[in-house]
Amino acid sequence: MKKEKVLPHKIKDNFLPPAELIKLQDTFNSGSMDWYYIKDINMNASKDSLGVYFVHIAYKEGKASRFMHVFSPILIRLNIKSLTRIKVNLYPRTPKLEVHAAHVDYNYPHTGAIFYLNTNDGKTILADGTRVASIANRVLIFDASTKHASTSTTNSKARFTININYDE
């Protein structure tokens, strides 16, 4: 069996012009966003896990939400041949930093981009142990078929990330 080459991760700061970042932040902090409660962070979460989060699916299986247009500034800066999913995650603040169970987004090689909407003490933890800090306007690009984990935040009301899965 041929082993797939793992995409090295890349981190790009100041990914969007400041005005575009503010538009995105305002959209997801508004009262008009459709958020859905998810009782487990992912399928690998233990039964005693306290982690919950809220999600907005902007695009999946050819269906787009009414907010799809707000992602254009990010999408035009990524090398996308085929879009699989765009999901916005809202992790509520927790008293101590919770590390969520490691997972893969899809079980086949593809590119993942995590765009950080706000700065907080949350992290994305990659399979090689790399800990990527949540800094507003940063994007992490990596092979999302490799295990990775998210965390909560303790120093912000919530941690907001935009997760994009695609093929280059």
C-alpha atoms as a PDB file:
ATOM      1  CA  MET A   1       0.000   0.000   0.000  1.00  0.00           C
ATOM      2  CA  LYS A   2       1.357   3.403  -0.982  1.00  0.00           C
ATOM      3  CA  LYS A   3       1.742   5.770   1.949  1.00  0.00           C
ATOM      4  CA  GLU A   4       0.380   9.252   1.320  1.00  0.00           C
ATOM      5  CA  LYS A   5       2.756  12.146   1.812  1.00  0.00           C
ATOM      6  CA  VAL A   6       1.751  14.265   4.802  1.00  0.00           C
ATOM      7  CA  LEU A   7       1.387  17.952   4.020  1.00  0.00           C
ATOM      8  CA  PRO A   8       3.732  19.992   6.221  1.00  0.00           C
ATOM      9  CA  HIS A   9       1.840  22.585   8.194  1.00  0.00           C
ATOM     10  CA  LYS A  10       2.101  26.289   7.441  1.00  0.00           C
ATOM     11  CA  ILE A  11       1.141  29.216   9.643  1.00  0.00           C
ATOM     12  CA  LYS A  12       0.360  32.579   8.110  1.00  0.00           C
ATOM     13  CA  ASP A  13      -0.250  35.623  10.295  1.00  0.00           C
ATOM     14  CA  ASN A  14      -2.107  38.770   9.181  1.00  0.00           C
ATOM     15  CA  PHE A  15      -3.908  36.631   6.613  1.00  0.00           C
ATOM     16  CA  LEU A  16      -6.667  39.158   5.865  1.00  0.00           C
ATOM     17  CA  PRO A  17      -6.651  42.946   5.594  1.00  0.00           C
ATOM     18  CA  PRO A  18      -7.828  44.387   8.950  1.00  0.00           C
ATOM     19  CA  ALA A  19     -11.180  45.607   7.547  1.00  0.00           C
ATOM     20  CA  GLU A  20     -12.027  42.100   6.284  1.00  0.00           C
ATOM     21  CA  LEU A  21     -11.157  40.568   9.657  1.00  0.00           C
ATOM     22  CA  ILE A  22     -13.428  43.054  11.441  1.00  0.00           C
ATOM     23  CA  LYS A  23     -16.333  42.196   9.091  1.00  0.00           C
ATOM     24  CA  LEU A  24     -15.926  38.494   9.903  1.00  0.00           C
ATOM     25  CA  GLN A  25     -15.652  39.129  13.638  1.00  0.00           C
ATOM     26  CA  ASP A  26     -18.747  41.353  13.579  1.00  0.00           C
ATOM     27  CA  THR A  27     -20.714  38.690  11.691  1.00  0.00           C
ATOM     28  CA  PHE A  28     -19.937  35.924  14.175  1.00  0.00           C
ATOM     29  CA  ASN A  29     -20.441  38.121  17.217  1.00  0.00           C
ATOM     30  CA  SER A  30     -23.833  39.321  15.994  1.00  0.00           C
ATOM     31  CA  GLY A  31     -27.148  38.058  17.295  1.00  0.00           C
ATOM     32  CA  SER A  32     -28.168  36.949  13.808  1.00  0.00           C
ATOM     33  CA  MET A  33     -25.740  34.018  13.473  1.00  0.00           C
ATOM     34  CA  ASP A  34     -27.218  30.511  13.406  1.00  0.00           C
ATOM     35  CA  TRP A  35     -25.364  28.501  16.078  1.00  0.00           C
ATOM     36  CA  TYR A  36     -26.108  24.851  16.872  1.00  0.00           C
ATOM     37  CA  TYR A  37     -25.263  23.172  20.170  1.00  0.00           C
ATOM     38  CA  ILE A  38     -23.073  20.063  19.925  1.00  0.00           C
ATOM     39  CA  LYS A  39     -22.913  17.952  23.099  1.00  0.00           C
ATOM     40  CA  ASP A  40     -19.567  16.292  22.287  1.00  0.00           C
ATOM     41  CA  ILE A  41     -16.525  18.006  20.802  1.00  0.00           C
ATOM     42  CA  ASN A  42     -15.947  15.021  18.507  1.00  0.00           C
ATOM     43  CA  MET A  43     -16.655  11.300  18.172  1.00  0.00           C
ATOM     44  CA  ASN A  44     -13.466  10.465  20.085  1.00  0.00           C
ATOM     45  CA  ALA A  45     -14.524  12.340  23.220  1.00  0.00           C
ATOM     46  CA  SER A  46     -14.706  10.246  26.380  1.00  0.00           C
ATOM     47  CA  LYS A  47     -18.085   9.706  27.996  1.00  0.00           C
ATOM     48  CA  ASP A  48     -17.075  11.873  30.971  1.00  0.00           C
ATOM     49  CA  SER A  49     -15.850  14.763  28.802  1.00  0.00           C
ATOM     50  CA  LEU A  50     -17.343  18.106  29.779  1.00  0.00           C
ATOM     51  CA  GLY A  51     -16.510  19.677  26.419  1.00  0.00           C
ATOM     52  CA  VAL A  52     -19.365  21.146  24.401  1.00  0.00           C
ATOM     53  CA  TYR A  53     -19.353  23.644  21.592  1.00  0.00           C
ATOM     54  CA  PHE A  54     -21.507  25.475  19.096  1.00  0.00           C
ATOM     55  CA  VAL A  55     -21.140  25.163  15.352  1.00  0.00           C
ATOM     56  CA  HIS A  56     -22.277  26.924  12.211  1.00  0.00           C
ATOM     57  CA  ILE A  57     -21.996  24.812   9.053  1.00  0.00           C
ATOM     58  CA  ALA A  58     -21.468  27.316   6.257  1.00  0.00           C
ATOM     59  CA  TYR A  59     -20.869  24.781   3.482  1.00  0.00           C
ATOM     60  CA  LYS A  60     -21.136  20.997   3.238  1.00  0.00           C
ATOM     61  CA  GLU A  61     -22.069  18.579   0.461  1.00  0.00           C
ATOM     62  CA  GLY A  62     -22.876  21.385  -1.958  1.00  0.00           C
ATOM     63  CA  LYS A  63     -25.227  23.175   0.448  1.00  0.00           C
ATOM     64  CA  ALA A  64     -24.344  26.674   1.608  1.00  0.00           C
ATOM     65  CA  SER A  65     -25.715  28.677   4.530  1.00  0.00           C
ATOM     66  CA  ARG A  66     -27.035  32.202   4.133  1.00  0.00           C
ATOM     67  CA  PHE A  67     -23.693  33.416   5.524  1.00  0.00           C
ATOM     68  CA  MET A  68     -21.516  31.763   2.870  1.00  0.00           C
ATOM     69  CA  HIS A  69     -20.626  35.103   1.269  1.00  0.00           C
ATOM     70  CA  VAL A  70     -18.692  36.283   4.335  1.00  0.00           C
ATOM     71  CA  PHE A  71     -16.001  33.640   3.740  1.00  0.00           C
ATOM     72  CA  SER A  72     -14.963  35.006   0.328  1.00  0.00           C
ATOM     73  CA  PRO A  73     -11.951  36.965   1.661  1.00  0.00           C
ATOM     74  CA  ILE A  74     -10.496  33.755   3.123  1.00  0.00           C
ATOM     75  CA  LEU A  75     -11.412  31.497   0.211  1.00  0.00           C
ATOM     76  CA  ILE A  76      -9.810  33.698  -2.444  1.00  0.00           C
ATOM     77  CA  ARG A  77      -6.494  33.565  -0.537  1.00  0.00           C
ATOM     78  CA  LEU A  78      -6.421  29.748  -0.356  1.00  0.00           C
ATOM     79  CA  ASN A  79      -5.447  27.494  -3.266  1.00  0.00           C
ATOM     80  CA  ILE A  80      -8.795  25.645  -3.499  1.00  0.00           C
ATOM     81  CA  LYS A  81      -9.601  23.232  -6.319  1.00  0.00           C
ATOM     82  CA  SER A  82     -12.521  21.569  -4.565  1.00  0.00           C
ATOM     83  CA  LEU A  83     -14.293  22.729  -1.391  1.00  0.00           C
ATOM     84  CA  THR A  84     -15.543  20.041   1.007  1.00  0.00           C
ATOM     85  CA  ARG A  85     -16.715  21.929   4.098  1.00  0.00           C
ATOM     86  CA  ILE A  86     -16.635  25.221   5.975  1.00  0.00           C
ATOM     87  CA  LYS A  87     -17.494  25.038   9.653  1.00  0.00           C
ATOM     88  CA  VAL A  88     -17.290  27.760  12.298  1.00  0.00           C
ATOM     89  CA  ASN A  89     -16.623  26.580  15.850  1.00  0.00           C
ATOM     90  CA  LEU A  90     -17.473  28.475  19.027  1.00  0.00           C
ATOM     91  CA  TYR A  91     -15.862  26.953  22.118  1.00  0.00           C
ATOM     92  CA  PRO A  92     -17.193  28.524  25.341  1.00  0.00           C
ATOM     93  CA  ARG A  93     -14.779  29.612  28.067  1.00  0.00           C
ATOM     94  CA  THR A  94     -13.939  26.973  30.661  1.00  0.00           C
ATOM     95  CA  PRO A  95     -12.393  27.431  34.142  1.00  0.00           C
ATOM     96  CA  LYS A  96      -9.296  25.459  33.097  1.00  0.00           C
ATOM     97  CA  LEU A  97      -7.930  24.822  29.616  1.00  0.00           C
ATOM     98  CA  GLU A  98      -9.604  21.673  28.284  1.00  0.00           C
ATOM     99  CA  VAL A  99      -7.724  19.669  25.647  1.00  0.00           C
ATOM    100  CA  HIS A 100     -10.252  17.908  23.427  1.00  0.00           C
ATOM    101  CA  ALA A 101      -9.789  14.393  22.015  1.00  0.00           C
ATOM    102  CA  ALA A 102      -7.630  14.122  18.900  1.00  0.00           C
ATOM    103  CA  HIS A 103      -9.498  13.492  15.660  1.00  0.00           C
ATOM    104  CA  VAL A 104      -9.248  13.684  11.879  1.00  0.00           C
ATOM    105  CA  ASP A 105     -11.658  15.763   9.826  1.00  0.00           C
ATOM    106  CA  TYR A 106     -11.995  13.208   7.005  1.00  0.00           C
ATOM    107  CA  ASN A 107     -10.263   9.837   6.529  1.00  0.00           C
ATOM    108  CA  TYR A 108      -8.560  10.718   3.238  1.00  0.00           C
ATOM    109  CA  PRO A 109      -5.699  13.114   2.493  1.00  0.00           C
ATOM    110  CA  HIS A 110      -6.926  16.681   2.063  1.00  0.00           C
ATOM    111  CA  THR A 111      -5.991  20.162   3.124  1.00  0.00           C
ATOM    112  CA  GLY A 112      -7.425  21.813   6.189  1.00  0.00           C
ATOM    113  CA  ALA A 113      -7.245  25.492   7.046  1.00  0.00           C
ATOM    114  CA  ILE A 114      -8.074  26.771  10.508  1.00  0.00           C
ATOM    115  CA  PHE A 115      -8.617  30.511  10.613  1.00  0.00           C
ATOM    116  CA  TYR A 116      -8.544  32.063  14.083  1.00  0.00           C
ATOM    117  CA  LEU A 117     -11.151  34.788  14.544  1.00  0.00           C
ATOM    118  CA  ASN A 118     -10.047  35.950  17.980  1.00  0.00           C
ATOM    119  CA  THR A 119      -6.960  35.936  20.178  1.00  0.00           C
ATOM    120  CA  ASN A 120      -7.135  33.772  23.287  1.00  0.00           C
ATOM    121  CA  ASP A 121      -5.158  31.113  25.163  1.00  0.00           C
ATOM    122  CA  GLY A 122      -6.718  28.263  23.142  1.00  0.00           C
ATOM    123  CA  LYS A 123      -4.597  26.058  20.902  1.00  0.00           C
ATOM    124  CA  THR A 124      -4.688  23.619  18.023  1.00  0.00           C
ATOM    125  CA  ILE A 125      -2.450  20.638  18.746  1.00  0.00           C
ATOM    126  CA  LEU A 126      -1.059  18.741  15.747  1.00  0.00           C
ATOM    127  CA  ALA A 127      -0.001  15.078  15.596  1.00  0.00           C
ATOM    128  CA  ASP A 128       3.693  16.025  15.807  1.00  0.00           C
ATOM    129  CA  GLY A 129       3.059  17.912  19.067  1.00  0.00           C
ATOM    130  CA  THR A 130       3.080  21.391  17.522  1.00  0.00           C
ATOM    131  CA  ARG A 131       0.831  23.735  19.514  1.00  0.00           C
ATOM    132  CA  VAL A 132      -0.596  26.544  17.393  1.00  0.00           C
ATOM    133  CA  ALA A 133      -1.784  29.546  19.398  1.00  0.00           C
ATOM    134  CA  SER A 134      -5.168  31.132  18.666  1.00  0.00           C
ATOM    135  CA  ILE A 135      -4.210  34.550  17.355  1.00  0.00           C
ATOM    136  CA  ALA A 136      -6.766  36.628  15.482  1.00  0.00           C
ATOM    137  CA  ASN A 137      -6.146  36.730  11.735  1.00  0.00           C
ATOM    138  CA  ARG A 138      -3.826  33.695  11.765  1.00  0.00           C
ATOM    139  CA  VAL A 139      -4.410  30.701   9.496  1.00  0.00           C
ATOM    140  CA  LEU A 140      -3.019  27.207   9.984  1.00  0.00           C
ATOM    141  CA  ILE A 141      -2.826  25.064   6.826  1.00  0.00           C
ATOM    142  CA  PHE A 142      -2.216  21.334   7.289  1.00  0.00           C
ATOM    143  CA  ASP A 143      -3.261  17.809   6.289  1.00  0.00           C
ATOM    144  CA  ALA A 144      -6.565  17.491   8.163  1.00  0.00           C
ATOM    145  CA  SER A 145      -6.546  13.717   7.688  1.00  0.00           C
ATOM    146  CA  THR A 146      -3.832  13.599  10.368  1.00  0.00           C
ATOM    147  CA  LYS A 147      -4.839  13.665  14.015  1.00  0.00           C
ATOM    148  CA  HIS A 148      -5.196  17.055  15.650  1.00  0.00           C
ATOM    149  CA  ALA A 149      -6.976  18.431  18.700  1.00  0.00           C
ATOM    150  CA  SER A 150      -8.570  21.670  19.787  1.00  0.00           C
ATOM    151  CA  THR A 151      -8.785  23.253  23.209  1.00  0.00           C
ATOM    152  CA  SER A 152     -11.130  25.553  25.038  1.00  0.00           C
ATOM    153  CA  THR A 153     -10.098  28.995  26.260  1.00  0.00           C
ATOM    154  CA  THR A 154      -9.871  30.398  29.783  1.00  0.00           C
ATOM    155  CA  ASN A 155      -9.183  34.063  29.059  1.00  0.00           C
ATOM    156  CA  SER A 156     -11.894  34.985  26.552  1.00  0.00           C
ATOM    157  CA  LYS A 157     -15.675  34.545  26.566  1.00  0.00           C
ATOM    158  CA  ALA A 158     -15.298  32.117  23.667  1.00  0.00           C
ATOM    159  CA  ARG A 159     -12.794  30.764  21.161  1.00  0.00           C
ATOM    160  CA  PHE A 160     -13.858  31.184  17.509  1.00  0.00           C
ATOM    161  CA  THR A 161     -12.283  29.207  14.660  1.00  0.00           C
ATOM    162  CA  ILE A 162     -13.223  28.728  11.025  1.00  0.00           C
ATOM    163  CA  ASN A 163     -12.395  25.215   9.786  1.00  0.00           C
ATOM    164  CA  ILE A 164     -12.154  24.796   6.004  1.00  0.00           C
ATOM    165  CA  ASN A 165     -11.604  21.409   4.346  1.00  0.00           C
ATOM    166  CA  TYR A 166     -10.612  21.357   0.677  1.00  0.00           C
ATOM    167  CA  ASP A 167      -8.373  19.916  -2.022  1.00  0.00           C
ATOM    168  CA  GLU A 168      -5.602  21.963  -3.596  1.00  0.00           C
END
